[in-house]
Amino acid sequence: FYTCPACEGSGRARGKLGLFAGHQACPQCKGSGKLPSSRCNSCHGAGTVLKAERIAVKIPPGVENGSNVRVHGKGHAGRAGGPSGDLYIVTRVHPHPFFERKGDNIYCEVPITVTEAALGAKIEVPTVDGKASMRIPPETNSGQVFRLRNMGVPHLKGTGRGDQFVTIKIVLPRNLDARSQELFRELGRLHPEDPRREIRQ
């Protein structure tokens, strides 16, 4: 290396900063105050070269769309052989075909039969951690929502996790034979409720 003739080794040069004159990094030596005696064939004096690298990155639980994951020391090379900067990865979470995420809570819709809705049942419900058992109380209506505590997404900052909310959807039987149709008619005669009574004028 030899002393930069432009800044005489100071690394700073006078320049115009807006309306005022001031000092800035020397454009010839990039503030180092020195220039290489001979140029490198790989970087041609730039001091850095481009290199592709595949790295493993640990994504913490609870990240959302737009979350920043910092990877130390995998950013741009430092100046004059200094330490490299950091790499920031902006996450993009793909939607799930069954679960819907809102904040740290998970929402889903689970179908049940007419018998399970009327008499109650114990069913298995999918969660992000696998199957979970949930009790359906008797006389459950379609659209009723149940909460599974602490079965949502882990909090990104702090401890604990959100909840899972399960919306019940009653599925009617199909291809009823004559016997099944008669049983439903008998059920209607035994329970002649009118669910639209309050909306009639």
C-alpha atoms as a PDB file:
ATOM      1  CA  PHE A   1       0.000   0.000   0.000  1.00  0.00           C
ATOM      2  CA  TYR A   2       1.003   3.611  -0.462  1.00  0.00           C
ATOM      3  CA  THR A   3      -0.381   6.903   0.807  1.00  0.00           C
ATOM      4  CA  CYS A   4      -3.340   8.190  -1.154  1.00  0.00           C
ATOM      5  CA  PRO A   5      -2.200  11.308  -3.043  1.00  0.00           C
ATOM      6  CA  ALA A   6      -5.685  12.799  -3.163  1.00  0.00           C
ATOM      7  CA  CYS A   7      -6.164  13.103   0.613  1.00  0.00           C
ATOM      8  CA  GLU A   8      -2.499  12.687   1.642  1.00  0.00           C
ATOM      9  CA  GLY A   9      -3.392   9.785   3.891  1.00  0.00           C
ATOM     10  CA  SER A  10      -6.099  11.535   5.911  1.00  0.00           C
ATOM     11  CA  GLY A  11      -8.934   9.585   4.315  1.00  0.00           C
ATOM     12  CA  ARG A  12     -11.024  12.760   4.097  1.00  0.00           C
ATOM     13  CA  ALA A  13     -11.470  15.255   1.323  1.00  0.00           C
ATOM     14  CA  ARG A  14     -13.190  18.577   1.155  1.00  0.00           C
ATOM     15  CA  GLY A  15     -16.444  18.596  -0.679  1.00  0.00           C
ATOM     16  CA  LYS A  16     -19.701  20.463  -0.980  1.00  0.00           C
ATOM     17  CA  LEU A  17     -22.515  19.189   1.234  1.00  0.00           C
ATOM     18  CA  GLY A  18     -25.602  21.014   0.031  1.00  0.00           C
ATOM     19  CA  LEU A  19     -25.018  24.751   0.416  1.00  0.00           C
ATOM     20  CA  PHE A  20     -22.074  24.302   2.774  1.00  0.00           C
ATOM     21  CA  ALA A  21     -18.530  23.107   2.321  1.00  0.00           C
ATOM     22  CA  GLY A  22     -17.327  20.285   4.555  1.00  0.00           C
ATOM     23  CA  HIS A  23     -15.299  17.093   4.754  1.00  0.00           C
ATOM     24  CA  GLN A  24     -16.308  13.739   3.410  1.00  0.00           C
ATOM     25  CA  ALA A  25     -14.678  10.367   2.784  1.00  0.00           C
ATOM     26  CA  CYS A  26     -12.029  10.531   0.099  1.00  0.00           C
ATOM     27  CA  PRO A  27     -13.606   9.194  -3.122  1.00  0.00           C
ATOM     28  CA  GLN A  28     -10.317   7.758  -4.355  1.00  0.00           C
ATOM     29  CA  CYS A  29      -9.301   5.637  -1.344  1.00  0.00           C
ATOM     30  CA  LYS A  30     -12.831   5.337   0.125  1.00  0.00           C
ATOM     31  CA  GLY A  31     -11.672   6.866   3.405  1.00  0.00           C
ATOM     32  CA  SER A  32      -8.838   4.441   4.114  1.00  0.00           C
ATOM     33  CA  GLY A  33      -6.036   6.905   3.342  1.00  0.00           C
ATOM     34  CA  LYS A  34      -4.145   4.237   1.429  1.00  0.00           C
ATOM     35  CA  LEU A  35      -4.179   2.734  -2.021  1.00  0.00           C
ATOM     36  CA  PRO A  36      -2.967  -0.751  -2.998  1.00  0.00           C
ATOM     37  CA  SER A  37       0.340  -0.957  -4.803  1.00  0.00           C
ATOM     38  CA  SER A  38      -1.122  -3.424  -7.262  1.00  0.00           C
ATOM     39  CA  ARG A  39      -4.721  -4.263  -8.107  1.00  0.00           C
ATOM     40  CA  CYS A  40      -6.147  -7.682  -7.246  1.00  0.00           C
ATOM     41  CA  ASN A  41      -7.160  -9.725 -10.282  1.00  0.00           C
ATOM     42  CA  SER A  42     -10.301 -10.974  -8.518  1.00  0.00           C
ATOM     43  CA  CYS A  43     -11.771  -7.740  -7.141  1.00  0.00           C
ATOM     44  CA  HIS A  44      -9.847  -5.230  -9.293  1.00  0.00           C
ATOM     45  CA  GLY A  45      -9.149  -3.061  -6.291  1.00  0.00           C
ATOM     46  CA  ALA A  46     -12.722  -2.996  -4.951  1.00  0.00           C
ATOM     47  CA  GLY A  47     -11.775  -5.135  -1.953  1.00  0.00           C
ATOM     48  CA  THR A  48     -14.847  -7.375  -2.208  1.00  0.00           C
ATOM     49  CA  VAL A  49     -16.121 -10.075  -4.559  1.00  0.00           C
ATOM     50  CA  LEU A  50     -19.601 -11.498  -5.055  1.00  0.00           C
ATOM     51  CA  LYS A  51     -20.103 -15.026  -3.733  1.00  0.00           C
ATOM     52  CA  ALA A  52     -23.238 -17.155  -3.590  1.00  0.00           C
ATOM     53  CA  GLU A  53     -23.709 -19.103  -0.365  1.00  0.00           C
ATOM     54  CA  ARG A  54     -26.482 -21.340   0.919  1.00  0.00           C
ATOM     55  CA  ILE A  55     -27.020 -20.992   4.664  1.00  0.00           C
ATOM     56  CA  ALA A  56     -29.381 -22.586   7.183  1.00  0.00           C
ATOM     57  CA  VAL A  57     -31.582 -20.100   9.004  1.00  0.00           C
ATOM     58  CA  LYS A  58     -33.621 -20.883  12.124  1.00  0.00           C
ATOM     59  CA  ILE A  59     -37.068 -19.299  11.910  1.00  0.00           C
ATOM     60  CA  PRO A  60     -38.430 -18.642  15.415  1.00  0.00           C
ATOM     61  CA  PRO A  61     -42.005 -19.741  16.189  1.00  0.00           C
ATOM     62  CA  GLY A  62     -44.611 -17.016  15.917  1.00  0.00           C
ATOM     63  CA  VAL A  63     -43.257 -15.086  12.921  1.00  0.00           C
ATOM     64  CA  GLU A  64     -45.791 -13.283  10.736  1.00  0.00           C
ATOM     65  CA  ASN A  65     -45.752 -11.796   7.266  1.00  0.00           C
ATOM     66  CA  GLY A  66     -43.154  -9.039   7.273  1.00  0.00           C
ATOM     67  CA  SER A  67     -41.250 -10.269  10.328  1.00  0.00           C
ATOM     68  CA  ASN A  68     -37.496  -9.636  10.177  1.00  0.00           C
ATOM     69  CA  VAL A  69     -35.143 -12.516  10.983  1.00  0.00           C
ATOM     70  CA  ARG A  70     -31.570 -11.351  11.606  1.00  0.00           C
ATOM     71  CA  VAL A  71     -28.601 -13.515  10.595  1.00  0.00           C
ATOM     72  CA  HIS A  72     -25.426 -12.166  12.171  1.00  0.00           C
ATOM     73  CA  GLY A  73     -22.354 -11.712   9.961  1.00  0.00           C
ATOM     74  CA  LYS A  74     -23.996 -12.716   6.667  1.00  0.00           C
ATOM     75  CA  GLY A  75     -24.502  -9.235   5.231  1.00  0.00           C
ATOM     76  CA  HIS A  76     -22.283  -7.012   3.097  1.00  0.00           C
ATOM     77  CA  ALA A  77     -18.514  -7.324   3.561  1.00  0.00           C
ATOM     78  CA  GLY A  78     -16.936  -4.784   5.900  1.00  0.00           C
ATOM     79  CA  ARG A  79     -14.707  -1.983   4.673  1.00  0.00           C
ATOM     80  CA  ALA A  80     -10.965  -2.489   4.614  1.00  0.00           C
ATOM     81  CA  GLY A  81     -11.233  -6.041   5.917  1.00  0.00           C
ATOM     82  CA  GLY A  82     -13.648  -5.107   8.703  1.00  0.00           C
ATOM     83  CA  PRO A  83     -16.406  -7.418   9.967  1.00  0.00           C
ATOM     84  CA  SER A  84     -19.342  -8.168   7.698  1.00  0.00           C
ATOM     85  CA  GLY A  85     -22.767  -6.714   8.318  1.00  0.00           C
ATOM     86  CA  ASP A  86     -25.930  -8.668   9.074  1.00  0.00           C
ATOM     87  CA  LEU A  87     -28.461 -10.276   6.770  1.00  0.00           C
ATOM     88  CA  TYR A  88     -32.146  -9.506   7.393  1.00  0.00           C
ATOM     89  CA  ILE A  89     -34.703 -11.966   6.051  1.00  0.00           C
ATOM     90  CA  VAL A  90     -38.266 -10.710   5.588  1.00  0.00           C
ATOM     91  CA  THR A  91     -40.629 -13.661   6.086  1.00  0.00           C
ATOM     92  CA  ARG A  92     -43.656 -14.460   3.960  1.00  0.00           C
ATOM     93  CA  VAL A  93     -46.086 -16.955   5.514  1.00  0.00           C
ATOM     94  CA  HIS A  94     -48.120 -19.004   3.044  1.00  0.00           C
ATOM     95  CA  PRO A  95     -51.864 -19.394   3.801  1.00  0.00           C
ATOM     96  CA  HIS A  96     -53.088 -22.749   5.110  1.00  0.00           C
ATOM     97  CA  PRO A  97     -56.026 -24.570   3.465  1.00  0.00           C
ATOM     98  CA  PHE A  98     -57.671 -25.373   6.828  1.00  0.00           C
ATOM     99  CA  PHE A  99     -56.366 -22.928   9.445  1.00  0.00           C
ATOM    100  CA  GLU A 100     -56.729 -19.162   9.384  1.00  0.00           C
ATOM    101  CA  ARG A 101     -54.427 -17.026  11.491  1.00  0.00           C
ATOM    102  CA  LYS A 102     -55.431 -13.711  13.054  1.00  0.00           C
ATOM    103  CA  GLY A 103     -52.669 -12.360  15.251  1.00  0.00           C
ATOM    104  CA  ASP A 104     -51.624 -15.220  17.500  1.00  0.00           C
ATOM    105  CA  ASN A 105     -55.020 -16.941  17.332  1.00  0.00           C
ATOM    106  CA  ILE A 106     -55.969 -19.780  14.993  1.00  0.00           C
ATOM    107  CA  TYR A 107     -59.455 -20.172  13.474  1.00  0.00           C
ATOM    108  CA  CYS A 108     -61.001 -23.189  11.771  1.00  0.00           C
ATOM    109  CA  GLU A 109     -64.358 -24.752  10.925  1.00  0.00           C
ATOM    110  CA  VAL A 110     -65.157 -28.340  11.949  1.00  0.00           C
ATOM    111  CA  PRO A 111     -68.162 -30.335  10.669  1.00  0.00           C
ATOM    112  CA  ILE A 112     -70.281 -32.508  12.952  1.00  0.00           C
ATOM    113  CA  THR A 113     -73.345 -34.703  12.388  1.00  0.00           C
ATOM    114  CA  VAL A 114     -76.914 -33.939  13.428  1.00  0.00           C
ATOM    115  CA  THR A 115     -76.698 -36.680  16.054  1.00  0.00           C
ATOM    116  CA  GLU A 116     -73.488 -35.242  17.535  1.00  0.00           C
ATOM    117  CA  ALA A 117     -75.031 -31.778  17.640  1.00  0.00           C
ATOM    118  CA  ALA A 118     -78.229 -32.959  19.311  1.00  0.00           C
ATOM    119  CA  LEU A 119     -76.847 -35.468  21.808  1.00  0.00           C
ATOM    120  CA  GLY A 120     -73.318 -34.163  22.309  1.00  0.00           C
ATOM    121  CA  ALA A 121     -70.082 -35.958  21.509  1.00  0.00           C
ATOM    122  CA  LYS A 122     -66.341 -36.048  22.012  1.00  0.00           C
ATOM    123  CA  ILE A 123     -64.527 -35.360  18.751  1.00  0.00           C
ATOM    124  CA  GLU A 124     -60.968 -34.919  17.502  1.00  0.00           C
ATOM    125  CA  VAL A 125     -60.043 -31.479  16.156  1.00  0.00           C
ATOM    126  CA  PRO A 126     -56.951 -30.695  14.044  1.00  0.00           C
ATOM    127  CA  THR A 127     -54.546 -28.172  15.587  1.00  0.00           C
ATOM    128  CA  VAL A 128     -51.157 -26.822  14.535  1.00  0.00           C
ATOM    129  CA  ASP A 129     -49.621 -29.342  16.964  1.00  0.00           C
ATOM    130  CA  GLY A 130     -51.691 -32.348  15.849  1.00  0.00           C
ATOM    131  CA  LYS A 131     -55.017 -33.770  16.978  1.00  0.00           C
ATOM    132  CA  ALA A 132     -56.774 -32.485  20.109  1.00  0.00           C
ATOM    133  CA  SER A 133     -59.881 -33.763  21.867  1.00  0.00           C
ATOM    134  CA  MET A 134     -62.880 -31.436  22.196  1.00  0.00           C
ATOM    135  CA  ARG A 135     -66.263 -31.989  23.832  1.00  0.00           C
ATOM    136  CA  ILE A 136     -69.398 -31.008  21.925  1.00  0.00           C
ATOM    137  CA  PRO A 137     -72.199 -30.301  24.439  1.00  0.00           C
ATOM    138  CA  PRO A 138     -75.769 -31.456  23.694  1.00  0.00           C
ATOM    139  CA  GLU A 139     -77.975 -29.114  21.640  1.00  0.00           C
ATOM    140  CA  THR A 140     -75.041 -27.423  19.912  1.00  0.00           C
ATOM    141  CA  ASN A 141     -76.064 -25.096  17.074  1.00  0.00           C
ATOM    142  CA  SER A 142     -74.356 -24.670  13.744  1.00  0.00           C
ATOM    143  CA  GLY A 143     -72.073 -21.632  13.854  1.00  0.00           C
ATOM    144  CA  GLN A 144     -71.373 -21.985  17.572  1.00  0.00           C
ATOM    145  CA  VAL A 145     -67.728 -21.203  18.431  1.00  0.00           C
ATOM    146  CA  PHE A 146     -65.583 -23.055  20.955  1.00  0.00           C
ATOM    147  CA  ARG A 147     -62.155 -22.056  22.232  1.00  0.00           C
ATOM    148  CA  LEU A 148     -59.155 -24.313  22.740  1.00  0.00           C
ATOM    149  CA  ARG A 149     -56.899 -22.405  25.108  1.00  0.00           C
ATOM    150  CA  ASN A 150     -53.167 -22.145  24.352  1.00  0.00           C
ATOM    151  CA  MET A 151     -53.524 -24.045  21.072  1.00  0.00           C
ATOM    152  CA  GLY A 152     -52.714 -21.070  18.846  1.00  0.00           C
ATOM    153  CA  VAL A 153     -49.440 -19.537  17.660  1.00  0.00           C
ATOM    154  CA  PRO A 154     -46.586 -18.969  20.156  1.00  0.00           C
ATOM    155  CA  HIS A 155     -46.047 -15.318  21.011  1.00  0.00           C
ATOM    156  CA  LEU A 156     -43.030 -14.036  19.084  1.00  0.00           C
ATOM    157  CA  LYS A 157     -42.054 -11.688  21.913  1.00  0.00           C
ATOM    158  CA  GLY A 158     -42.725 -13.141  25.316  1.00  0.00           C
ATOM    159  CA  THR A 159     -44.048 -16.418  26.663  1.00  0.00           C
ATOM    160  CA  GLY A 160     -47.329 -18.220  26.087  1.00  0.00           C
ATOM    161  CA  ARG A 161     -49.355 -18.610  22.933  1.00  0.00           C
ATOM    162  CA  GLY A 162     -52.704 -17.699  21.446  1.00  0.00           C
ATOM    163  CA  ASP A 163     -55.912 -19.745  21.344  1.00  0.00           C
ATOM    164  CA  GLN A 164     -57.668 -21.782  18.686  1.00  0.00           C
ATOM    165  CA  PHE A 165     -61.299 -20.955  17.901  1.00  0.00           C
ATOM    166  CA  VAL A 166     -63.406 -23.744  16.384  1.00  0.00           C
ATOM    167  CA  THR A 167     -66.611 -22.909  14.532  1.00  0.00           C
ATOM    168  CA  ILE A 168     -69.107 -25.784  14.375  1.00  0.00           C
ATOM    169  CA  LYS A 169     -70.802 -26.653  11.087  1.00  0.00           C
ATOM    170  CA  ILE A 170     -73.654 -29.175  11.218  1.00  0.00           C
ATOM    171  CA  VAL A 171     -73.667 -31.455   8.180  1.00  0.00           C
ATOM    172  CA  LEU A 172     -77.000 -33.048   7.234  1.00  0.00           C
ATOM    173  CA  PRO A 173     -77.134 -36.686   6.100  1.00  0.00           C
ATOM    174  CA  ARG A 174     -77.508 -37.357   2.371  1.00  0.00           C
ATOM    175  CA  ASN A 175     -79.378 -39.972   0.326  1.00  0.00           C
ATOM    176  CA  LEU A 176     -81.990 -40.602   3.009  1.00  0.00           C
ATOM    177  CA  ASP A 177     -83.966 -43.796   2.533  1.00  0.00           C
ATOM    178  CA  ALA A 178     -87.656 -44.117   3.411  1.00  0.00           C
ATOM    179  CA  ARG A 179     -86.922 -45.290   6.956  1.00  0.00           C
ATOM    180  CA  SER A 180     -84.574 -42.337   7.655  1.00  0.00           C
ATOM    181  CA  GLN A 181     -87.083 -39.862   6.237  1.00  0.00           C
ATOM    182  CA  GLU A 182     -89.806 -41.224   8.469  1.00  0.00           C
ATOM    183  CA  LEU A 183     -87.550 -40.917  11.532  1.00  0.00           C
ATOM    184  CA  PHE A 184     -86.959 -37.246  10.744  1.00  0.00           C
ATOM    185  CA  ARG A 185     -90.705 -36.683  10.297  1.00  0.00           C
ATOM    186  CA  GLU A 186     -91.300 -38.336  13.651  1.00  0.00           C
ATOM    187  CA  LEU A 187     -88.639 -36.114  15.202  1.00  0.00           C
ATOM    188  CA  GLY A 188     -90.424 -33.080  13.744  1.00  0.00           C
ATOM    189  CA  ARG A 189     -93.696 -34.185  15.280  1.00  0.00           C
ATOM    190  CA  LEU A 190     -92.071 -34.709  18.673  1.00  0.00           C
ATOM    191  CA  HIS A 191     -90.349 -31.310  18.620  1.00  0.00           C
ATOM    192  CA  PRO A 192     -92.538 -28.864  16.665  1.00  0.00           C
ATOM    193  CA  GLU A 193     -90.363 -25.809  17.303  1.00  0.00           C
ATOM    194  CA  ASP A 194     -90.452 -22.843  14.932  1.00  0.00           C
ATOM    195  CA  PRO A 195     -86.908 -21.367  14.715  1.00  0.00           C
ATOM    196  CA  ARG A 196     -88.171 -18.481  12.508  1.00  0.00           C
ATOM    197  CA  ARG A 197     -90.893 -17.359  14.870  1.00  0.00           C
ATOM    198  CA  GLU A 198     -88.994 -14.290  16.126  1.00  0.00           C
ATOM    199  CA  ILE A 199     -88.181 -12.970  12.646  1.00  0.00           C
ATOM    200  CA  ARG A 200     -91.705 -13.135  11.306  1.00  0.00           C
ATOM    201  CA  GLN A 201     -93.750  -9.947  11.137  1.00  0.00           C
END
